[in-house]
Amino acid sequence: MPQTVLPAAQLAATAALVGWMVLGFTSRPGLWFRWKMFCRATFTLITLTGTTRDGRTEPVSVYEHLSPGSFILSPARLQTILTYLTSSGRYDRIDGHGRVLSGQGEHAVEVKNSRVVL
């Protein structure tokens, strides 16, 4: 085997590997988290405002109510936290808007009168 064939084969294999890695970690239009580790996770990024019983409004962070080290917030889990915050009497109602990111793409989400609306 000529000595130029081996470096050319190594270069081609390296280029193919780099190309595969670059394409594997980038998203196609409309899709988030193509990497297998994230393809089943659902992330909710949301901004919320809570109204107290006396009519004052204040920002609400649902991320403070997640387990330590947890960052995955699905719409169902968001609804559970909203129900807890309103039933505990802390807020009369909670409203907001944001995005849900999953393997199926990116979608808008709203919270109206403490209810998650996709």
N, C-alpha and C. Protein backbone atom coordinates (compact mmCIF):
# COMPACT_ATOMS: atom_id res chain seq x y z
N MET A 1 0.85 -1.17 0.00
CA MET A 1 0.00 0.00 0.00
C MET A 1 0.90 1.24 0.00
N PRO A 2 0.66 2.15 -0.93
CA PRO A 2 1.48 3.36 -0.96
C PRO A 2 1.31 4.18 0.31
N GLN A 3 2.37 4.92 0.66
CA GLN A 3 2.35 5.68 1.90
C GLN A 3 1.38 6.86 1.86
N THR A 4 0.95 7.31 0.72
CA THR A 4 0.01 8.44 0.64
C THR A 4 -1.43 8.00 0.86
N VAL A 5 -1.72 6.71 0.71
CA VAL A 5 -3.08 6.22 0.88
C VAL A 5 -3.51 6.27 2.35
N LEU A 6 -2.63 5.90 3.25
CA LEU A 6 -2.97 5.89 4.68
C LEU A 6 -3.30 7.29 5.21
N PRO A 7 -2.47 8.33 4.98
CA PRO A 7 -2.86 9.66 5.44
C PRO A 7 -4.15 10.17 4.78
N ALA A 8 -4.37 9.83 3.53
CA ALA A 8 -5.59 10.26 2.85
C ALA A 8 -6.81 9.58 3.47
N ALA A 9 -6.68 8.30 3.83
CA ALA A 9 -7.79 7.58 4.47
C ALA A 9 -8.05 8.13 5.87
N GLN A 10 -6.99 8.45 6.60
CA GLN A 10 -7.15 9.04 7.94
C GLN A 10 -7.83 10.41 7.84
N LEU A 11 -7.43 11.20 6.87
CA LEU A 11 -8.02 12.52 6.67
C LEU A 11 -9.51 12.40 6.32
N ALA A 12 -9.84 11.47 5.45
CA ALA A 12 -11.24 11.27 5.06
C ALA A 12 -12.08 10.78 6.25
N ALA A 13 -11.55 9.85 7.03
CA ALA A 13 -12.27 9.35 8.20
C ALA A 13 -12.46 10.45 9.25
N THR A 14 -11.42 11.27 9.45
CA THR A 14 -11.52 12.37 10.41
C THR A 14 -12.55 13.40 9.95
N ALA A 15 -12.54 13.74 8.68
CA ALA A 15 -13.51 14.70 8.14
C ALA A 15 -14.94 14.16 8.26
N ALA A 16 -15.14 12.89 8.00
CA ALA A 16 -16.47 12.28 8.12
C ALA A 16 -16.93 12.30 9.57
N LEU A 17 -16.05 12.00 10.51
CA LEU A 17 -16.39 12.01 11.93
C LEU A 17 -16.73 13.42 12.41
N VAL A 18 -15.95 14.40 12.02
CA VAL A 18 -16.23 15.79 12.40
C VAL A 18 -17.55 16.25 11.81
N GLY A 19 -17.80 15.93 10.56
CA GLY A 19 -19.08 16.29 9.92
C GLY A 19 -20.26 15.65 10.62
N TRP A 20 -20.14 14.39 10.97
CA TRP A 20 -21.23 13.69 11.68
C TRP A 20 -21.49 14.33 13.04
N MET A 21 -20.43 14.69 13.77
CA MET A 21 -20.59 15.31 15.08
C MET A 21 -21.23 16.70 14.96
N VAL A 22 -20.82 17.48 13.99
CA VAL A 22 -21.39 18.82 13.82
C VAL A 22 -22.88 18.72 13.48
N LEU A 23 -23.24 17.86 12.58
CA LEU A 23 -24.64 17.71 12.20
C LEU A 23 -25.47 17.08 13.31
N GLY A 24 -24.88 16.23 14.13
CA GLY A 24 -25.60 15.58 15.21
C GLY A 24 -25.97 16.53 16.34
N PHE A 25 -25.23 17.60 16.52
CA PHE A 25 -25.48 18.53 17.62
C PHE A 25 -26.17 19.81 17.18
N THR A 26 -26.47 19.94 15.90
CA THR A 26 -27.21 21.12 15.44
C THR A 26 -28.64 20.73 15.15
N SER A 27 -29.50 21.69 15.22
CA SER A 27 -30.92 21.39 15.01
C SER A 27 -31.35 21.77 13.60
N ARG A 28 -32.25 21.01 13.09
CA ARG A 28 -32.87 21.36 11.83
C ARG A 28 -33.95 22.40 12.12
N PRO A 29 -34.36 23.18 11.13
CA PRO A 29 -35.40 24.18 11.39
C PRO A 29 -36.65 23.55 11.99
N GLY A 30 -37.11 24.11 13.12
CA GLY A 30 -38.31 23.61 13.77
C GLY A 30 -38.08 22.51 14.79
N LEU A 31 -36.88 22.01 14.92
CA LEU A 31 -36.61 20.94 15.87
C LEU A 31 -35.57 21.39 16.88
N TRP A 32 -35.79 21.03 18.12
CA TRP A 32 -34.85 21.31 19.20
C TRP A 32 -34.34 20.00 19.75
N PHE A 33 -33.15 19.98 20.26
CA PHE A 33 -32.62 18.86 21.02
C PHE A 33 -32.62 17.55 20.22
N ARG A 34 -31.96 17.54 19.07
CA ARG A 34 -31.87 16.31 18.28
C ARG A 34 -30.99 15.27 18.95
N TRP A 35 -30.12 15.70 19.84
CA TRP A 35 -29.22 14.76 20.49
C TRP A 35 -30.04 13.82 21.35
N LYS A 36 -29.74 12.53 21.32
CA LYS A 36 -30.55 11.49 21.97
C LYS A 36 -30.78 11.75 23.46
N MET A 37 -29.83 12.38 24.12
CA MET A 37 -29.99 12.63 25.55
C MET A 37 -31.18 13.55 25.84
N PHE A 38 -31.48 14.47 24.92
CA PHE A 38 -32.53 15.44 25.15
C PHE A 38 -33.82 15.16 24.38
N CYS A 39 -33.85 14.16 23.52
CA CYS A 39 -34.98 14.00 22.62
C CYS A 39 -36.29 13.67 23.34
N ARG A 40 -36.26 13.15 24.56
CA ARG A 40 -37.49 12.83 25.28
C ARG A 40 -37.81 13.85 26.37
N ALA A 41 -36.95 14.81 26.58
CA ALA A 41 -37.17 15.82 27.62
C ALA A 41 -38.06 16.94 27.09
N THR A 42 -38.81 17.55 27.98
CA THR A 42 -39.64 18.69 27.65
C THR A 42 -39.27 19.82 28.61
N PHE A 43 -38.87 20.93 28.05
CA PHE A 43 -38.46 22.08 28.84
C PHE A 43 -39.47 23.20 28.66
N THR A 44 -39.82 23.87 29.73
CA THR A 44 -40.72 25.01 29.66
C THR A 44 -39.98 26.23 30.17
N LEU A 45 -39.90 27.23 29.33
CA LEU A 45 -39.31 28.51 29.70
C LEU A 45 -40.47 29.50 29.78
N ILE A 46 -40.73 30.03 30.96
CA ILE A 46 -41.94 30.81 31.14
C ILE A 46 -41.72 31.98 32.09
N THR A 47 -42.43 33.07 31.84
CA THR A 47 -42.43 34.25 32.70
C THR A 47 -43.82 34.38 33.29
N LEU A 48 -43.91 34.40 34.61
CA LEU A 48 -45.21 34.42 35.28
C LEU A 48 -45.35 35.63 36.19
N THR A 49 -46.59 36.10 36.32
CA THR A 49 -46.93 37.18 37.24
C THR A 49 -48.08 36.72 38.10
N GLY A 50 -47.90 36.78 39.41
CA GLY A 50 -48.94 36.37 40.34
C GLY A 50 -49.67 37.57 40.92
N THR A 51 -50.98 37.43 41.07
CA THR A 51 -51.80 38.47 41.69
C THR A 51 -52.22 37.97 43.06
N THR A 52 -51.87 38.74 44.10
CA THR A 52 -52.21 38.35 45.47
C THR A 52 -53.66 38.74 45.76
N ARG A 53 -54.17 38.31 46.90
CA ARG A 53 -55.57 38.57 47.26
C ARG A 53 -55.86 40.06 47.42
N ASP A 54 -54.84 40.84 47.78
CA ASP A 54 -55.06 42.28 47.94
C ASP A 54 -54.82 43.06 46.64
N GLY A 55 -54.62 42.37 45.51
CA GLY A 55 -54.51 43.01 44.20
C GLY A 55 -53.10 43.36 43.76
N ARG A 56 -52.11 43.12 44.58
CA ARG A 56 -50.73 43.39 44.17
C ARG A 56 -50.26 42.31 43.20
N THR A 57 -49.37 42.71 42.29
CA THR A 57 -48.78 41.74 41.35
C THR A 57 -47.29 41.63 41.64
N GLU A 58 -46.77 40.43 41.45
CA GLU A 58 -45.35 40.18 41.65
C GLU A 58 -44.91 39.04 40.76
N PRO A 59 -43.62 39.02 40.37
CA PRO A 59 -43.14 37.92 39.54
C PRO A 59 -43.13 36.61 40.32
N VAL A 60 -43.42 35.53 39.60
CA VAL A 60 -43.47 34.19 40.21
C VAL A 60 -42.42 33.33 39.52
N SER A 61 -41.60 32.64 40.30
CA SER A 61 -40.61 31.71 39.76
C SER A 61 -41.00 30.29 40.16
N VAL A 62 -41.51 29.52 39.18
CA VAL A 62 -41.88 28.14 39.46
C VAL A 62 -40.66 27.26 39.62
N TYR A 63 -39.51 27.74 39.14
CA TYR A 63 -38.28 26.95 39.22
C TYR A 63 -37.81 26.80 40.66
N GLU A 64 -38.23 27.69 41.55
CA GLU A 64 -37.90 27.57 42.97
C GLU A 64 -38.61 26.38 43.61
N HIS A 65 -39.66 25.89 43.00
CA HIS A 65 -40.46 24.80 43.55
C HIS A 65 -40.10 23.44 42.97
N LEU A 66 -39.06 23.39 42.13
CA LEU A 66 -38.59 22.12 41.58
C LEU A 66 -37.61 21.48 42.56
N SER A 67 -37.42 20.20 42.44
CA SER A 67 -36.45 19.48 43.26
C SER A 67 -35.05 20.02 43.00
N PRO A 68 -34.17 20.02 44.00
CA PRO A 68 -32.80 20.48 43.76
C PRO A 68 -32.14 19.67 42.65
N GLY A 69 -31.53 20.38 41.72
CA GLY A 69 -30.86 19.72 40.59
C GLY A 69 -31.76 19.43 39.42
N SER A 70 -33.06 19.63 39.58
CA SER A 70 -34.00 19.38 38.50
C SER A 70 -34.20 20.65 37.68
N PHE A 71 -34.23 20.50 36.38
CA PHE A 71 -34.44 21.65 35.52
C PHE A 71 -35.48 21.36 34.43
N ILE A 72 -36.00 20.15 34.39
CA ILE A 72 -36.98 19.78 33.37
C ILE A 72 -38.37 20.09 33.92
N LEU A 73 -39.07 20.95 33.21
CA LEU A 73 -40.39 21.39 33.64
C LEU A 73 -41.37 21.17 32.49
N SER A 74 -42.19 20.15 32.60
CA SER A 74 -43.19 19.88 31.57
C SER A 74 -44.43 20.71 31.86
N PRO A 75 -45.33 20.88 30.88
CA PRO A 75 -46.57 21.62 31.14
C PRO A 75 -47.41 21.00 32.26
N ALA A 76 -47.44 19.68 32.38
CA ALA A 76 -48.20 19.03 33.45
C ALA A 76 -47.61 19.36 34.82
N ARG A 77 -46.29 19.35 34.90
CA ARG A 77 -45.62 19.69 36.16
C ARG A 77 -45.82 21.16 36.50
N LEU A 78 -45.80 22.01 35.46
CA LEU A 78 -46.07 23.43 35.66
C LEU A 78 -47.47 23.64 36.22
N GLN A 79 -48.45 22.91 35.69
CA GLN A 79 -49.82 23.03 36.19
C GLN A 79 -49.92 22.58 37.64
N THR A 80 -49.20 21.55 38.01
CA THR A 80 -49.20 21.08 39.40
C THR A 80 -48.67 22.17 40.35
N ILE A 81 -47.59 22.83 39.94
CA ILE A 81 -47.02 23.88 40.78
C ILE A 81 -47.97 25.07 40.86
N LEU A 82 -48.61 25.43 39.74
CA LEU A 82 -49.56 26.54 39.75
C LEU A 82 -50.76 26.24 40.65
N THR A 83 -51.24 25.01 40.59
CA THR A 83 -52.37 24.61 41.44
C THR A 83 -51.97 24.70 42.91
N TYR A 84 -50.76 24.27 43.24
CA TYR A 84 -50.28 24.37 44.62
C TYR A 84 -50.21 25.83 45.08
N LEU A 85 -49.64 26.69 44.24
CA LEU A 85 -49.48 28.10 44.63
C LEU A 85 -50.81 28.81 44.82
N THR A 86 -51.80 28.48 44.00
CA THR A 86 -53.11 29.14 44.16
C THR A 86 -53.94 28.51 45.27
N SER A 87 -53.85 27.19 45.44
CA SER A 87 -54.65 26.55 46.49
C SER A 87 -54.09 26.83 47.88
N SER A 88 -52.79 27.13 47.97
CA SER A 88 -52.20 27.46 49.27
C SER A 88 -52.56 28.87 49.72
N GLY A 89 -53.17 29.65 48.84
CA GLY A 89 -53.56 31.01 49.19
C GLY A 89 -52.49 32.04 48.95
N ARG A 90 -51.36 31.62 48.44
CA ARG A 90 -50.28 32.57 48.19
C ARG A 90 -50.64 33.56 47.09
N TYR A 91 -51.32 33.05 46.04
CA TYR A 91 -51.75 33.90 44.93
C TYR A 91 -53.21 33.64 44.63
N ASP A 92 -53.90 34.70 44.21
CA ASP A 92 -55.29 34.56 43.79
C ASP A 92 -55.36 34.01 42.37
N ARG A 93 -54.45 34.47 41.53
CA ARG A 93 -54.34 33.98 40.15
C ARG A 93 -52.93 34.20 39.65
N ILE A 94 -52.54 33.43 38.64
CA ILE A 94 -51.22 33.54 38.04
C ILE A 94 -51.40 33.56 36.53
N ASP A 95 -50.72 34.49 35.86
CA ASP A 95 -50.78 34.62 34.41
C ASP A 95 -49.36 34.71 33.86
N GLY A 96 -49.18 34.34 32.60
CA GLY A 96 -47.87 34.45 31.99
C GLY A 96 -47.82 33.86 30.59
N HIS A 97 -46.62 33.87 30.02
CA HIS A 97 -46.41 33.33 28.67
C HIS A 97 -44.98 32.81 28.57
N GLY A 98 -44.76 31.92 27.59
CA GLY A 98 -43.44 31.36 27.39
C GLY A 98 -43.40 30.38 26.24
N ARG A 99 -42.41 29.49 26.27
CA ARG A 99 -42.19 28.51 25.21
C ARG A 99 -42.00 27.13 25.81
N VAL A 100 -42.47 26.11 25.09
CA VAL A 100 -42.22 24.71 25.44
C VAL A 100 -41.30 24.15 24.37
N LEU A 101 -40.17 23.59 24.81
CA LEU A 101 -39.18 23.03 23.91
C LEU A 101 -39.13 21.52 24.11
N SER A 102 -39.26 20.78 23.02
CA SER A 102 -39.23 19.32 23.10
C SER A 102 -38.70 18.76 21.79
N GLY A 103 -38.65 17.46 21.71
CA GLY A 103 -38.22 16.80 20.48
C GLY A 103 -39.16 17.04 19.32
N GLN A 104 -40.40 17.41 19.61
CA GLN A 104 -41.37 17.70 18.55
C GLN A 104 -41.29 19.14 18.06
N GLY A 105 -40.46 19.95 18.66
CA GLY A 105 -40.30 21.34 18.23
C GLY A 105 -40.55 22.32 19.35
N GLU A 106 -40.75 23.56 18.97
CA GLU A 106 -40.96 24.66 19.91
C GLU A 106 -42.40 25.16 19.75
N HIS A 107 -43.08 25.33 20.89
CA HIS A 107 -44.48 25.76 20.86
C HIS A 107 -44.70 26.85 21.91
N ALA A 108 -45.65 27.71 21.63
CA ALA A 108 -46.00 28.75 22.60
C ALA A 108 -46.86 28.14 23.71
N VAL A 109 -46.72 28.69 24.92
CA VAL A 109 -47.54 28.28 26.05
C VAL A 109 -47.96 29.54 26.79
N GLU A 110 -49.19 29.55 27.27
CA GLU A 110 -49.70 30.67 28.06
C GLU A 110 -50.29 30.14 29.35
N VAL A 111 -50.27 30.96 30.35
CA VAL A 111 -50.95 30.67 31.60
C VAL A 111 -51.99 31.76 31.78
N LYS A 112 -53.25 31.35 31.78
CA LYS A 112 -54.37 32.29 31.95
C LYS A 112 -55.18 31.84 33.15
N ASN A 113 -55.32 32.73 34.12
CA ASN A 113 -56.09 32.45 35.33
C ASN A 113 -55.64 31.14 35.98
N SER A 114 -54.34 30.96 36.08
CA SER A 114 -53.69 29.81 36.72
C SER A 114 -53.88 28.49 35.98
N ARG A 115 -54.19 28.53 34.71
CA ARG A 115 -54.35 27.32 33.89
C ARG A 115 -53.39 27.36 32.72
N VAL A 116 -52.68 26.26 32.47
CA VAL A 116 -51.73 26.17 31.36
C VAL A 116 -52.50 25.94 30.07
N VAL A 117 -52.24 26.78 29.08
CA VAL A 117 -52.90 26.69 27.77
C VAL A 117 -51.80 26.54 26.70
N LEU A 118 -51.82 25.41 26.01
CA LEU A 118 -50.82 25.17 24.96
C LEU A 118 -51.30 25.68 23.62
